[in-house]
Amino acid sequence: MPDKHLSTQFDSELNGVSSRVMELGGLVESQIRLAIYALSQFSSDSANQVIETEAQVNTMEVDIDRELSSIIARRQPTARDLRLLIAISKTTANLERAGDEAEKIARMVKSIIESGSARSLPSSDLRVASELASGLLRKALDAFARLDTTAAVSILKEDDLIDQEFDGFVRKLITYMMEDPRTISASLDLLFIAKAIERVGDHAKNIAEFIIYVVKGADVRHTPMAQIESVVK
């Protein structure tokens, strides 16, 4: 990921911490996939596995932050190197939060199962949004590994599709609850799951913005798409 430096040791440290971030990303990806599987199958066992993985994700985040602090203190990086280390820190935080969303999904799945309403809810309607969100996080990690700004812009655009899926699902769920008030409690759990899936997409979007920050030195958060595309060009 990082450019070559005069200090081979510095390169080694950058590559090492970058690899740790990719490892964390892979763990969070698997956590999200398992959470979605738990939802699709209403599997308590899978939900419990997701919840148990959260401690490992949290530990990795702390370890990476400690390593980043050590590198910054010893190397005192500037310009792009400093931006890269800042972006790695922010990406790590977003991955941990995406893991939190997976845990929320798992806990809501368990709540739905315990309510006895599992099979009567339109949970399958979340499949498209969940696949989009999981895929977007995977693309964001791949783009970050390559510092690919073109891919980053594409990810920012794709996040809008997840938002559209979420809005459509909320409308459908409201109608569903109005037709059968007995399902309101379990339906609210499903609504929280839908929001968690949307948030995974938001974290992928944040990672894409960090890529542009590293490469172009521009903070494109809360920036119109046309302006972002102009920065990347």
Protein backbone atom coordinates (compact mmCIF):
# COMPACT_ATOMS: atom_id res chain seq x y z
CA MET A 1 0.00 0.00 0.00
CA PRO A 2 2.49 2.74 1.06
CA ASP A 3 5.12 4.26 -1.21
CA LYS A 4 8.76 3.30 -0.76
CA HIS A 5 10.82 5.29 1.73
CA LEU A 6 14.50 5.69 2.40
CA SER A 7 13.91 3.86 5.66
CA THR A 8 13.25 0.20 4.94
CA GLN A 9 12.18 -0.19 8.56
CA PHE A 10 9.53 2.52 8.15
CA ASP A 11 8.21 0.73 5.05
CA SER A 12 8.06 -2.48 7.02
CA GLU A 13 6.12 -0.80 9.81
CA LEU A 14 3.62 0.77 7.38
CA ASN A 15 3.12 -2.53 5.59
CA GLY A 16 2.71 -4.32 8.90
CA VAL A 17 0.00 -2.03 10.24
CA SER A 18 -1.73 -1.98 6.85
CA SER A 19 -1.83 -5.77 6.88
CA ARG A 20 -3.36 -5.71 10.35
CA VAL A 21 -6.12 -3.42 9.10
CA MET A 22 -6.87 -5.80 6.23
CA GLU A 23 -6.95 -8.66 8.72
CA LEU A 24 -9.42 -6.74 10.86
CA GLY A 25 -11.47 -5.97 7.76
CA GLY A 26 -11.64 -9.64 6.85
CA LEU A 27 -12.80 -10.51 10.37
CA VAL A 28 -15.53 -7.86 10.28
CA GLU A 29 -16.62 -9.00 6.81
CA SER A 30 -17.05 -12.55 8.08
CA GLN A 31 -18.91 -11.21 11.11
CA ILE A 32 -21.36 -9.35 8.86
CA ARG A 33 -21.87 -12.34 6.57
CA LEU A 34 -22.59 -14.57 9.56
CA ALA A 35 -25.02 -12.00 10.97
CA ILE A 36 -26.90 -11.91 7.66
CA TYR A 37 -26.92 -15.72 7.60
CA ALA A 38 -28.32 -15.72 11.14
CA LEU A 39 -31.09 -13.42 9.91
CA SER A 40 -31.90 -15.44 6.80
CA GLN A 41 -32.03 -18.73 8.73
CA PHE A 42 -33.11 -17.34 12.10
CA SER A 43 -30.17 -19.18 13.61
CA SER A 44 -29.42 -18.52 17.29
CA ASP A 45 -26.13 -20.40 17.02
CA SER A 46 -24.88 -18.14 14.20
CA ALA A 47 -26.07 -15.05 16.06
CA ASN A 48 -24.14 -16.15 19.15
CA GLN A 49 -20.97 -16.63 17.07
CA VAL A 50 -21.26 -13.05 15.80
CA ILE A 51 -21.63 -11.71 19.32
CA GLU A 52 -18.65 -13.73 20.56
CA THR A 53 -16.43 -12.39 17.74
CA GLU A 54 -16.99 -8.80 18.87
CA ALA A 55 -14.40 -9.06 21.65
CA GLN A 56 -11.73 -10.09 19.11
CA VAL A 57 -12.62 -7.15 16.86
CA ASN A 58 -12.36 -4.73 19.78
CA THR A 59 -8.97 -6.12 20.80
CA MET A 60 -7.61 -5.78 17.27
CA GLU A 61 -8.78 -2.16 17.08
CA VAL A 62 -6.94 -1.30 20.31
CA ASP A 63 -3.78 -3.10 19.15
CA ILE A 64 -3.74 -1.29 15.80
CA ASP A 65 -4.26 2.10 17.46
CA ARG A 66 -1.39 1.39 19.85
CA GLU A 67 0.85 0.46 16.91
CA LEU A 68 -0.13 3.61 15.01
CA SER A 69 0.63 5.80 18.03
CA SER A 70 4.07 4.19 18.31
CA ILE A 71 4.86 4.75 14.62
CA ILE A 72 3.77 8.41 14.75
CA ALA A 73 5.78 9.07 17.92
CA ARG A 74 8.96 7.47 16.56
CA ARG A 75 8.82 8.49 12.90
CA GLN A 76 7.06 11.87 13.12
CA PRO A 77 5.66 11.46 9.58
CA THR A 78 4.52 14.38 7.44
CA ALA A 79 2.41 14.97 4.32
CA ARG A 80 1.07 11.81 2.67
CA ASP A 81 2.62 9.47 5.25
CA LEU A 82 0.80 11.27 8.05
CA ARG A 83 -2.45 11.29 6.07
CA LEU A 84 -2.09 7.55 5.50
CA LEU A 85 -1.62 6.83 9.19
CA ILE A 86 -4.59 9.05 10.09
CA ALA A 87 -6.70 7.30 7.45
CA ILE A 88 -5.66 3.89 8.77
CA SER A 89 -6.75 4.95 12.26
CA LYS A 90 -10.11 6.20 11.02
CA THR A 91 -10.61 3.11 8.86
CA THR A 92 -9.90 0.91 11.87
CA ALA A 93 -12.53 2.79 13.88
CA ASN A 94 -15.08 2.42 11.08
CA LEU A 95 -14.40 -1.30 10.80
CA GLU A 96 -14.92 -1.71 14.54
CA ARG A 97 -18.23 0.15 14.27
CA ALA A 98 -19.28 -2.01 11.34
CA GLY A 99 -18.59 -4.96 13.62
CA ASP A 100 -20.83 -3.32 16.21
CA GLU A 101 -23.60 -3.21 13.61
CA ALA A 102 -23.13 -6.92 12.93
CA GLU A 103 -23.48 -7.56 16.65
CA LYS A 104 -26.67 -5.47 16.74
CA ILE A 105 -28.10 -7.54 13.89
CA ALA A 106 -27.26 -10.73 15.77
CA ARG A 107 -28.89 -9.50 18.98
CA MET A 108 -32.03 -8.40 17.12
CA VAL A 109 -32.20 -11.80 15.39
CA LYS A 110 -32.14 -13.47 18.80
CA SER A 111 -34.88 -11.14 20.01
CA ILE A 112 -37.07 -11.96 16.98
CA ILE A 113 -36.53 -15.69 17.50
CA GLU A 114 -37.52 -15.38 21.16
CA SER A 115 -40.67 -13.44 20.21
CA GLY A 116 -41.90 -16.39 18.14
CA SER A 117 -42.65 -14.13 15.15
CA ALA A 118 -39.64 -15.09 13.04
CA ARG A 119 -41.35 -16.81 10.12
CA SER A 120 -44.15 -14.25 9.77
CA LEU A 121 -41.86 -11.27 9.16
CA PRO A 122 -40.66 -10.00 5.72
CA SER A 123 -36.99 -10.52 6.63
CA SER A 124 -36.15 -11.83 3.15
CA ASP A 125 -36.77 -8.31 1.81
CA LEU A 126 -33.53 -7.23 3.50
CA ARG A 127 -31.45 -9.60 1.39
CA VAL A 128 -30.67 -7.10 -1.38
CA ALA A 129 -29.64 -4.34 1.04
CA SER A 130 -27.52 -6.71 3.12
CA GLU A 131 -25.70 -8.05 0.05
CA LEU A 132 -25.10 -4.50 -1.17
CA ALA A 133 -23.71 -3.40 2.20
CA SER A 134 -21.47 -6.44 2.62
CA GLY A 135 -20.19 -6.12 -0.94
CA LEU A 136 -19.57 -2.41 -0.50
CA LEU A 137 -17.40 -2.99 2.58
CA ARG A 138 -15.40 -5.60 0.67
CA LYS A 139 -14.87 -3.15 -2.22
CA ALA A 140 -13.86 -0.40 0.20
CA LEU A 141 -11.20 -2.57 1.79
CA ASP A 142 -9.86 -3.63 -1.61
CA ALA A 143 -9.77 -0.01 -2.78
CA PHE A 144 -8.00 1.04 0.43
CA ALA A 145 -5.36 -1.64 -0.04
CA ARG A 146 -4.67 -0.22 -3.53
CA LEU A 147 -5.42 3.44 -2.65
CA ASP A 148 -7.70 3.44 -5.70
CA THR A 149 -9.55 6.77 -5.89
CA THR A 150 -11.62 5.75 -8.92
CA ALA A 151 -12.98 2.77 -6.99
CA ALA A 152 -13.57 5.07 -4.01
CA VAL A 153 -15.82 7.34 -6.07
CA SER A 154 -17.76 4.32 -7.31
CA ILE A 155 -18.30 3.19 -3.71
CA LEU A 156 -19.65 6.61 -2.73
CA LYS A 157 -22.21 6.36 -5.52
CA GLU A 158 -23.21 2.80 -4.62
CA ASP A 159 -24.01 3.80 -1.04
CA ASP A 160 -27.03 5.67 -2.37
CA LEU A 161 -28.51 2.34 -3.54
CA ILE A 162 -28.39 0.99 0.02
CA ASP A 163 -30.14 4.13 1.28
CA GLN A 164 -32.88 3.62 -1.32
CA GLU A 165 -33.33 -0.02 -0.29
CA PHE A 166 -33.58 1.04 3.35
CA ASP A 167 -36.22 3.69 2.63
CA GLY A 168 -38.28 1.23 0.61
CA PHE A 169 -38.09 -1.41 3.33
CA VAL A 170 -39.17 1.05 6.03
CA ARG A 171 -42.27 1.98 4.03
CA LYS A 172 -43.14 -1.68 3.56
CA LEU A 173 -42.56 -2.51 7.21
CA ILE A 174 -44.83 0.32 8.37
CA THR A 175 -47.61 -1.05 6.17
CA TYR A 176 -46.95 -4.53 7.55
CA MET A 177 -47.28 -3.35 11.16
CA MET A 178 -50.48 -1.43 10.41
CA GLU A 179 -52.04 -4.56 8.91
CA ASP A 180 -51.09 -6.75 11.89
CA PRO A 181 -50.36 -4.79 15.11
CA ARG A 182 -49.39 -8.03 16.87
CA THR A 183 -46.10 -8.00 14.94
CA ILE A 184 -45.10 -4.47 15.98
CA SER A 185 -42.51 -5.51 18.57
CA ALA A 186 -40.72 -8.00 16.30
CA SER A 187 -41.08 -5.63 13.34
CA LEU A 188 -39.25 -2.92 15.27
CA ASP A 189 -36.38 -5.39 15.78
CA LEU A 190 -36.36 -5.88 12.02
CA LEU A 191 -36.31 -2.12 11.54
CA PHE A 192 -33.21 -1.87 13.77
CA ILE A 193 -31.61 -4.61 11.66
CA ALA A 194 -32.35 -2.66 8.48
CA LYS A 195 -30.78 0.45 10.00
CA ALA A 196 -27.70 -1.54 11.05
CA ILE A 197 -27.30 -2.79 7.47
CA GLU A 198 -27.54 0.77 6.19
CA ARG A 199 -24.89 1.84 8.68
CA VAL A 200 -22.49 -0.83 7.38
CA GLY A 201 -22.82 0.86 4.00
CA ASP A 202 -22.10 4.23 5.62
CA HIS A 203 -18.89 2.89 7.15
CA ALA A 204 -17.80 1.59 3.74
CA LYS A 205 -18.51 5.06 2.34
CA ASN A 206 -16.37 6.64 5.07
CA ILE A 207 -13.45 4.37 4.20
CA ALA A 208 -13.79 5.40 0.55
CA GLU A 209 -13.57 9.05 1.58
CA PHE A 210 -10.35 8.36 3.52
CA ILE A 211 -8.80 6.92 0.33
CA ILE A 212 -9.35 10.22 -1.46
CA TYR A 213 -7.97 12.07 1.56
CA VAL A 214 -4.74 10.05 1.49
CA VAL A 215 -4.12 10.29 -2.23
CA LYS A 216 -5.41 13.80 -2.99
CA GLY A 217 -5.02 15.50 0.39
CA ALA A 218 -8.64 16.65 0.23
CA ASP A 219 -11.32 16.09 2.86
CA VAL A 220 -14.41 15.23 0.78
CA ARG A 221 -16.80 14.51 3.64
CA HIS A 222 -20.18 16.24 3.17
CA THR A 223 -19.10 17.25 -0.34
CA PRO A 224 -21.34 17.08 -3.45
CA MET A 225 -20.51 14.21 -5.81
CA ALA A 226 -19.66 16.52 -8.72
CA GLN A 227 -17.04 18.26 -6.59
CA ILE A 228 -15.61 14.92 -5.40
CA GLU A 229 -15.26 13.71 -8.99
CA SER A 230 -13.48 16.97 -9.85
CA VAL A 231 -11.00 16.43 -7.00
CA VAL A 232 -10.24 12.87 -8.09
CA LYS A 233 -9.69 13.88 -11.71
